[in-house]
Amino acid sequence: PDTPVFLLHLYDRALLNGAALRAVGYGKDTPNPPGGEITRDAAGNPTGLLLAKPNAGILYSTLAKGPKLPFDYQVNSTRHFMRELNRLGITSVIDAGGGFQNYPDDYAVIQKLSDDDQLTVRLAYNLFTQKP
């Protein structure tokens, strides 16, 4: 119950537990952000369901508000994730990208693993036009 959880479903909605709602600051008085809807119960409190209307802006902006792991934790976590992919026989992946990317910053972990010759999957990623 104290660990924030964000579950994404097909880029059109996400579920957050109570800890995640607190971590991102969504409460009764939080207005719906551009690009989405915070669903609410009869008393006006967020239920934890975020709907991406008309686009996934609310999902990306909510993720950006969450707690950040230190860089070395991100590297270690990504290394473990790739190990799990390999265990399942997966050797290549595609990151389809998304919105609110800050290339190359958002890919610093992958670059670090590549520089250290520690990538165990082939990775292709699509980038969107960057903001000036």
N, C-alpha and C. Protein backbone atom coordinates (compact mmCIF):
# COMPACT_ATOMS: atom_id res chain seq x y z
N PRO A 1 0.80 -1.22 0.00
CA PRO A 1 0.00 0.00 0.00
C PRO A 1 0.84 1.28 0.00
N ASP A 2 2.11 1.20 0.41
CA ASP A 2 2.95 2.40 0.46
C ASP A 2 3.81 2.57 -0.79
N THR A 3 3.78 1.60 -1.68
CA THR A 3 4.58 1.67 -2.90
C THR A 3 3.71 2.18 -4.04
N PRO A 4 4.09 3.30 -4.67
CA PRO A 4 3.31 3.81 -5.80
C PRO A 4 3.30 2.81 -6.96
N VAL A 5 2.11 2.56 -7.51
CA VAL A 5 1.96 1.65 -8.64
C VAL A 5 1.21 2.38 -9.75
N PHE A 6 1.77 2.32 -10.96
CA PHE A 6 1.18 2.91 -12.16
C PHE A 6 1.09 1.81 -13.19
N LEU A 7 -0.12 1.42 -13.58
CA LEU A 7 -0.33 0.38 -14.59
C LEU A 7 -0.90 1.01 -15.85
N LEU A 8 -0.17 0.88 -16.94
CA LEU A 8 -0.58 1.45 -18.23
C LEU A 8 -1.32 0.40 -19.04
N HIS A 9 -2.41 0.80 -19.68
CA HIS A 9 -3.15 -0.10 -20.55
C HIS A 9 -3.29 0.54 -21.92
N LEU A 10 -2.53 0.03 -22.87
CA LEU A 10 -2.66 0.40 -24.29
C LEU A 10 -2.64 1.90 -24.57
N TYR A 11 -1.96 2.67 -23.79
CA TYR A 11 -1.81 4.11 -24.00
C TYR A 11 -3.14 4.87 -24.00
N ASP A 12 -4.20 4.24 -23.49
CA ASP A 12 -5.46 4.98 -23.42
C ASP A 12 -5.98 5.15 -22.00
N ARG A 13 -5.34 4.46 -21.06
CA ARG A 13 -5.75 4.60 -19.66
C ARG A 13 -4.65 4.06 -18.76
N ALA A 14 -4.74 4.43 -17.50
CA ALA A 14 -3.80 3.92 -16.50
C ALA A 14 -4.53 3.80 -15.17
N LEU A 15 -4.05 2.89 -14.35
CA LEU A 15 -4.57 2.71 -13.00
C LEU A 15 -3.46 3.05 -12.01
N LEU A 16 -3.80 3.86 -11.02
CA LEU A 16 -2.85 4.23 -9.97
C LEU A 16 -3.43 3.80 -8.63
N ASN A 17 -2.58 3.28 -7.76
CA ASN A 17 -3.05 2.99 -6.41
C ASN A 17 -2.99 4.27 -5.58
N GLY A 18 -3.44 4.19 -4.33
CA GLY A 18 -3.47 5.38 -3.47
C GLY A 18 -2.11 6.02 -3.28
N ALA A 19 -1.07 5.19 -3.13
CA ALA A 19 0.28 5.73 -2.94
C ALA A 19 0.73 6.49 -4.18
N ALA A 20 0.38 6.00 -5.36
CA ALA A 20 0.74 6.69 -6.59
C ALA A 20 -0.02 8.01 -6.72
N LEU A 21 -1.30 8.00 -6.36
CA LEU A 21 -2.07 9.25 -6.41
C LEU A 21 -1.44 10.30 -5.49
N ARG A 22 -1.01 9.88 -4.31
CA ARG A 22 -0.36 10.82 -3.39
C ARG A 22 0.99 11.29 -3.95
N ALA A 23 1.75 10.36 -4.54
CA ALA A 23 3.08 10.70 -5.05
C ALA A 23 3.02 11.74 -6.16
N VAL A 24 1.99 11.68 -6.99
CA VAL A 24 1.88 12.64 -8.09
C VAL A 24 1.02 13.85 -7.73
N GLY A 25 0.45 13.83 -6.53
CA GLY A 25 -0.30 14.99 -6.05
C GLY A 25 -1.72 15.11 -6.57
N TYR A 26 -2.34 14.00 -6.98
CA TYR A 26 -3.72 14.04 -7.45
C TYR A 26 -4.66 13.87 -6.27
N GLY A 27 -5.50 14.88 -6.05
CA GLY A 27 -6.47 14.85 -4.97
C GLY A 27 -7.81 15.36 -5.45
N LYS A 28 -8.69 15.59 -4.50
CA LYS A 28 -10.06 16.02 -4.81
C LYS A 28 -10.08 17.33 -5.59
N ASP A 29 -9.16 18.23 -5.28
CA ASP A 29 -9.17 19.55 -5.91
C ASP A 29 -8.29 19.65 -7.16
N THR A 30 -7.71 18.54 -7.58
CA THR A 30 -6.85 18.55 -8.77
C THR A 30 -7.73 18.62 -10.02
N PRO A 31 -7.54 19.65 -10.85
CA PRO A 31 -8.32 19.71 -12.08
C PRO A 31 -7.82 18.67 -13.09
N ASN A 32 -8.69 18.32 -14.02
CA ASN A 32 -8.25 17.44 -15.09
C ASN A 32 -7.18 18.15 -15.90
N PRO A 33 -6.03 17.51 -16.10
CA PRO A 33 -4.99 18.14 -16.90
C PRO A 33 -5.35 18.08 -18.38
N PRO A 34 -4.70 18.92 -19.19
CA PRO A 34 -4.93 18.84 -20.64
C PRO A 34 -4.60 17.43 -21.13
N GLY A 35 -5.41 16.93 -22.02
CA GLY A 35 -5.14 15.61 -22.59
C GLY A 35 -5.58 14.46 -21.73
N GLY A 36 -6.54 14.68 -20.83
CA GLY A 36 -6.98 13.54 -20.06
C GLY A 36 -8.02 13.84 -19.01
N GLU A 37 -8.46 12.76 -18.38
CA GLU A 37 -9.48 12.86 -17.33
C GLU A 37 -9.06 12.01 -16.14
N ILE A 38 -9.16 12.59 -14.95
CA ILE A 38 -8.98 11.86 -13.70
C ILE A 38 -10.38 11.43 -13.28
N THR A 39 -10.68 10.15 -13.33
CA THR A 39 -12.03 9.72 -12.93
C THR A 39 -12.17 9.85 -11.42
N ARG A 40 -13.39 10.14 -11.00
CA ARG A 40 -13.65 10.44 -9.59
C ARG A 40 -14.86 9.66 -9.08
N ASP A 41 -14.88 9.46 -7.76
CA ASP A 41 -16.03 8.82 -7.14
C ASP A 41 -17.11 9.87 -6.89
N ALA A 42 -18.20 9.47 -6.26
CA ALA A 42 -19.33 10.38 -6.03
C ALA A 42 -18.95 11.58 -5.18
N ALA A 43 -17.92 11.43 -4.33
CA ALA A 43 -17.48 12.54 -3.48
C ALA A 43 -16.45 13.43 -4.17
N GLY A 44 -16.08 13.08 -5.40
CA GLY A 44 -15.11 13.89 -6.14
C GLY A 44 -13.66 13.49 -5.95
N ASN A 45 -13.42 12.41 -5.22
CA ASN A 45 -12.05 11.94 -5.01
C ASN A 45 -11.59 11.10 -6.19
N PRO A 46 -10.31 11.21 -6.57
CA PRO A 46 -9.80 10.39 -7.68
C PRO A 46 -9.93 8.90 -7.36
N THR A 47 -10.38 8.14 -8.34
CA THR A 47 -10.52 6.69 -8.16
C THR A 47 -9.22 5.95 -8.47
N GLY A 48 -8.31 6.61 -9.17
CA GLY A 48 -7.08 5.96 -9.60
C GLY A 48 -7.08 5.63 -11.08
N LEU A 49 -8.21 5.81 -11.75
CA LEU A 49 -8.29 5.56 -13.18
C LEU A 49 -8.07 6.86 -13.93
N LEU A 50 -7.08 6.88 -14.81
CA LEU A 50 -6.81 8.03 -15.68
C LEU A 50 -7.20 7.64 -17.09
N LEU A 51 -7.94 8.51 -17.76
CA LEU A 51 -8.35 8.26 -19.14
C LEU A 51 -7.65 9.25 -20.06
N ALA A 52 -7.07 8.73 -21.11
CA ALA A 52 -6.36 9.57 -22.08
C ALA A 52 -7.36 10.06 -23.12
N LYS A 53 -7.79 11.30 -22.97
CA LYS A 53 -8.76 11.90 -23.90
C LYS A 53 -8.29 13.31 -24.23
N PRO A 54 -8.00 13.69 -25.38
CA PRO A 54 -8.05 12.94 -26.64
C PRO A 54 -6.73 12.24 -26.97
N ASN A 55 -5.73 12.39 -26.10
CA ASN A 55 -4.43 11.76 -26.38
C ASN A 55 -3.82 11.30 -25.06
N ALA A 56 -2.62 10.76 -25.14
CA ALA A 56 -1.98 10.17 -23.96
C ALA A 56 -1.24 11.18 -23.10
N GLY A 57 -1.46 12.46 -23.29
CA GLY A 57 -0.75 13.49 -22.53
C GLY A 57 -0.83 13.30 -21.03
N ILE A 58 -2.00 12.95 -20.52
CA ILE A 58 -2.15 12.77 -19.07
C ILE A 58 -1.29 11.62 -18.56
N LEU A 59 -1.13 10.60 -19.37
CA LEU A 59 -0.35 9.44 -18.93
C LEU A 59 1.13 9.78 -18.82
N TYR A 60 1.66 10.45 -19.84
CA TYR A 60 3.08 10.82 -19.82
C TYR A 60 3.36 11.87 -18.74
N SER A 61 2.48 12.85 -18.61
CA SER A 61 2.72 13.89 -17.61
C SER A 61 2.61 13.32 -16.20
N THR A 62 1.74 12.34 -15.99
CA THR A 62 1.63 11.70 -14.67
C THR A 62 2.89 10.91 -14.36
N LEU A 63 3.38 10.15 -15.32
CA LEU A 63 4.63 9.41 -15.10
C LEU A 63 5.77 10.35 -14.75
N ALA A 64 5.81 11.51 -15.40
CA ALA A 64 6.90 12.47 -15.16
C ALA A 64 6.85 13.03 -13.74
N LYS A 65 5.69 13.01 -13.10
CA LYS A 65 5.57 13.54 -11.73
C LYS A 65 6.02 12.54 -10.67
N GLY A 66 6.15 11.30 -11.06
CA GLY A 66 6.47 10.26 -10.09
C GLY A 66 7.89 10.32 -9.59
N PRO A 67 8.16 9.55 -8.54
CA PRO A 67 9.52 9.53 -7.98
C PRO A 67 10.50 8.95 -9.00
N LYS A 68 11.71 9.46 -8.97
CA LYS A 68 12.75 9.01 -9.89
C LYS A 68 13.78 8.17 -9.14
N LEU A 69 14.14 7.05 -9.73
CA LEU A 69 15.22 6.24 -9.17
C LEU A 69 16.56 6.91 -9.47
N PRO A 70 17.53 6.76 -8.58
CA PRO A 70 18.87 7.24 -8.91
C PRO A 70 19.37 6.53 -10.17
N PHE A 71 20.26 7.20 -10.90
CA PHE A 71 20.72 6.69 -12.19
C PHE A 71 21.27 5.27 -12.08
N ASP A 72 22.09 4.99 -11.07
CA ASP A 72 22.67 3.65 -10.96
C ASP A 72 21.60 2.59 -10.70
N TYR A 73 20.53 2.94 -10.01
CA TYR A 73 19.41 2.01 -9.82
C TYR A 73 18.71 1.75 -11.16
N GLN A 74 18.56 2.82 -11.97
CA GLN A 74 17.94 2.66 -13.28
C GLN A 74 18.76 1.72 -14.16
N VAL A 75 20.08 1.88 -14.12
CA VAL A 75 20.96 1.02 -14.90
C VAL A 75 20.81 -0.43 -14.44
N ASN A 76 20.86 -0.64 -13.14
CA ASN A 76 20.75 -2.00 -12.60
C ASN A 76 19.39 -2.61 -12.91
N SER A 77 18.33 -1.83 -12.77
CA SER A 77 16.98 -2.32 -13.05
C SER A 77 16.84 -2.70 -14.52
N THR A 78 17.39 -1.88 -15.41
CA THR A 78 17.32 -2.17 -16.84
C THR A 78 18.11 -3.42 -17.17
N ARG A 79 19.26 -3.59 -16.54
CA ARG A 79 20.07 -4.79 -16.73
C ARG A 79 19.27 -6.04 -16.32
N HIS A 80 18.59 -5.97 -15.19
CA HIS A 80 17.77 -7.11 -14.73
C HIS A 80 16.59 -7.36 -15.66
N PHE A 81 15.98 -6.28 -16.16
CA PHE A 81 14.86 -6.43 -17.09
C PHE A 81 15.31 -7.14 -18.36
N MET A 82 16.47 -6.74 -18.89
CA MET A 82 16.99 -7.39 -20.09
C MET A 82 17.30 -8.87 -19.81
N ARG A 83 17.78 -9.17 -18.63
CA ARG A 83 18.04 -10.57 -18.26
C ARG A 83 16.74 -11.37 -18.29
N GLU A 84 15.66 -10.79 -17.80
CA GLU A 84 14.36 -11.47 -17.85
C GLU A 84 13.89 -11.67 -19.29
N LEU A 85 14.08 -10.65 -20.12
CA LEU A 85 13.73 -10.80 -21.54
C LEU A 85 14.51 -11.95 -22.16
N ASN A 86 15.82 -11.99 -21.88
CA ASN A 86 16.66 -13.07 -22.41
C ASN A 86 16.19 -14.43 -21.91
N ARG A 87 15.82 -14.50 -20.64
CA ARG A 87 15.35 -15.76 -20.06
C ARG A 87 14.13 -16.28 -20.80
N LEU A 88 13.31 -15.35 -21.30
CA LEU A 88 12.11 -15.71 -22.05
C LEU A 88 12.39 -15.92 -23.54
N GLY A 89 13.66 -15.79 -23.93
CA GLY A 89 14.04 -15.99 -25.33
C GLY A 89 13.94 -14.75 -26.19
N ILE A 90 13.72 -13.62 -25.58
CA ILE A 90 13.59 -12.37 -26.33
C ILE A 90 14.97 -11.74 -26.47
N THR A 91 15.35 -11.47 -27.73
CA THR A 91 16.68 -10.91 -27.99
C THR A 91 16.63 -9.56 -28.68
N SER A 92 15.45 -9.13 -29.14
CA SER A 92 15.31 -7.84 -29.82
C SER A 92 14.01 -7.19 -29.37
N VAL A 93 14.05 -5.88 -29.19
CA VAL A 93 12.85 -5.14 -28.78
C VAL A 93 12.79 -3.82 -29.54
N ILE A 94 11.60 -3.25 -29.59
CA ILE A 94 11.41 -1.93 -30.18
C ILE A 94 10.73 -1.06 -29.14
N ASP A 95 11.30 0.09 -28.88
CA ASP A 95 10.66 1.11 -28.06
C ASP A 95 9.94 2.02 -29.03
N ALA A 96 8.62 1.93 -29.04
CA ALA A 96 7.83 2.69 -30.00
C ALA A 96 7.82 4.18 -29.70
N GLY A 97 8.46 4.57 -28.64
CA GLY A 97 8.51 5.99 -28.31
C GLY A 97 7.23 6.43 -27.65
N GLY A 98 6.97 7.67 -27.73
CA GLY A 98 5.80 8.24 -27.10
C GLY A 98 5.94 9.74 -27.07
N GLY A 99 5.25 10.35 -26.18
CA GLY A 99 5.33 11.79 -26.08
C GLY A 99 6.22 12.22 -24.94
N PHE A 100 6.53 13.47 -24.92
CA PHE A 100 7.30 14.10 -23.84
C PHE A 100 8.68 13.49 -23.67
N GLN A 101 9.27 13.02 -24.78
CA GLN A 101 10.62 12.49 -24.70
C GLN A 101 11.61 13.64 -24.70
N ASN A 102 12.72 13.40 -24.07
CA ASN A 102 13.81 14.37 -24.04
C ASN A 102 15.07 13.65 -24.47
N TYR A 103 15.14 13.35 -25.75
CA TYR A 103 16.32 12.66 -26.27
C TYR A 103 17.50 13.63 -26.25
N PRO A 104 18.66 13.24 -25.82
CA PRO A 104 19.08 11.89 -25.45
C PRO A 104 18.91 11.57 -23.97
N ASP A 105 18.45 12.52 -23.16
CA ASP A 105 18.38 12.31 -21.71
C ASP A 105 17.56 11.09 -21.32
N ASP A 106 16.41 10.90 -21.97
CA ASP A 106 15.55 9.77 -21.61
C ASP A 106 16.17 8.42 -21.95
N TYR A 107 17.22 8.42 -22.75
CA TYR A 107 17.86 7.17 -23.15
C TYR A 107 19.28 7.05 -22.58
N ALA A 108 19.58 7.81 -21.56
CA ALA A 108 20.93 7.79 -20.97
C ALA A 108 21.27 6.42 -20.39
N VAL A 109 20.29 5.74 -19.81
CA VAL A 109 20.53 4.41 -19.24
C VAL A 109 20.93 3.44 -20.34
N ILE A 110 20.18 3.45 -21.44
CA ILE A 110 20.49 2.56 -22.56
C ILE A 110 21.86 2.90 -23.14
N GLN A 111 22.16 4.18 -23.26
CA GLN A 111 23.46 4.59 -23.78
C GLN A 111 24.59 4.11 -22.88
N LYS A 112 24.39 4.21 -21.57
CA LYS A 112 25.40 3.75 -20.60
C LYS A 112 25.64 2.25 -20.76
N LEU A 113 24.56 1.48 -20.84
CA LEU A 113 24.71 0.03 -21.01
C LEU A 113 25.38 -0.30 -22.33
N SER A 114 25.05 0.45 -23.37
CA SER A 114 25.70 0.23 -24.67
C SER A 114 27.18 0.57 -24.59
N ASP A 115 27.51 1.71 -23.99
CA ASP A 115 28.91 2.12 -23.86
C ASP A 115 29.72 1.09 -23.08
N ASP A 116 29.08 0.46 -22.09
CA ASP A 116 29.76 -0.53 -21.25
C ASP A 116 29.65 -1.95 -21.82
N ASP A 117 29.11 -2.06 -23.06
CA ASP A 117 28.94 -3.35 -23.73
C ASP A 117 28.13 -4.33 -22.87
N GLN A 118 27.03 -3.81 -22.27
CA GLN A 118 26.19 -4.62 -21.41
C GLN A 118 24.76 -4.79 -21.93
N LEU A 119 24.49 -4.37 -23.15
CA LEU A 119 23.17 -4.60 -23.72
C LEU A 119 23.08 -6.07 -24.12
N THR A 120 22.05 -6.74 -23.66
CA THR A 120 21.86 -8.15 -24.01
C THR A 120 20.67 -8.34 -24.95
N VAL A 121 20.07 -7.23 -25.38
CA VAL A 121 19.02 -7.26 -26.39
C VAL A 121 19.35 -6.21 -27.44
N ARG A 122 18.94 -6.48 -28.67
CA ARG A 122 19.03 -5.45 -29.70
C ARG A 122 17.86 -4.51 -29.47
N LEU A 123 18.13 -3.24 -29.54
CA LEU A 123 17.10 -2.25 -29.23
C LEU A 123 16.98 -1.25 -30.37
N ALA A 124 15.75 -1.10 -30.86
CA ALA A 124 15.46 -0.05 -31.84
C ALA A 124 14.46 0.88 -31.17
N TYR A 125 14.62 2.18 -31.37
CA TYR A 125 13.63 3.09 -30.81
C TYR A 125 13.30 4.18 -31.81
N ASN A 126 12.05 4.60 -31.73
CA ASN A 126 11.53 5.65 -32.60
C ASN A 126 11.47 6.93 -31.79
N LEU A 127 11.93 7.99 -32.38
CA LEU A 127 11.94 9.27 -31.68
C LEU A 127 10.97 10.23 -32.36
N PHE A 128 10.31 11.02 -31.55
CA PHE A 128 9.44 12.05 -32.07
C PHE A 128 10.23 13.34 -32.19
N THR A 129 9.75 14.25 -32.98
CA THR A 129 10.41 15.53 -33.13
C THR A 129 10.54 16.18 -31.76
N GLN A 130 11.71 16.70 -31.50
CA GLN A 130 11.98 17.31 -30.21
C GLN A 130 11.52 18.77 -30.19
N LYS A 131 11.16 19.22 -29.02
CA LYS A 131 10.80 20.63 -28.86
C LYS A 131 12.07 21.46 -28.87
N PRO A 132 12.04 22.65 -29.48
CA PRO A 132 13.25 23.49 -29.50
C PRO A 132 13.64 23.96 -28.11
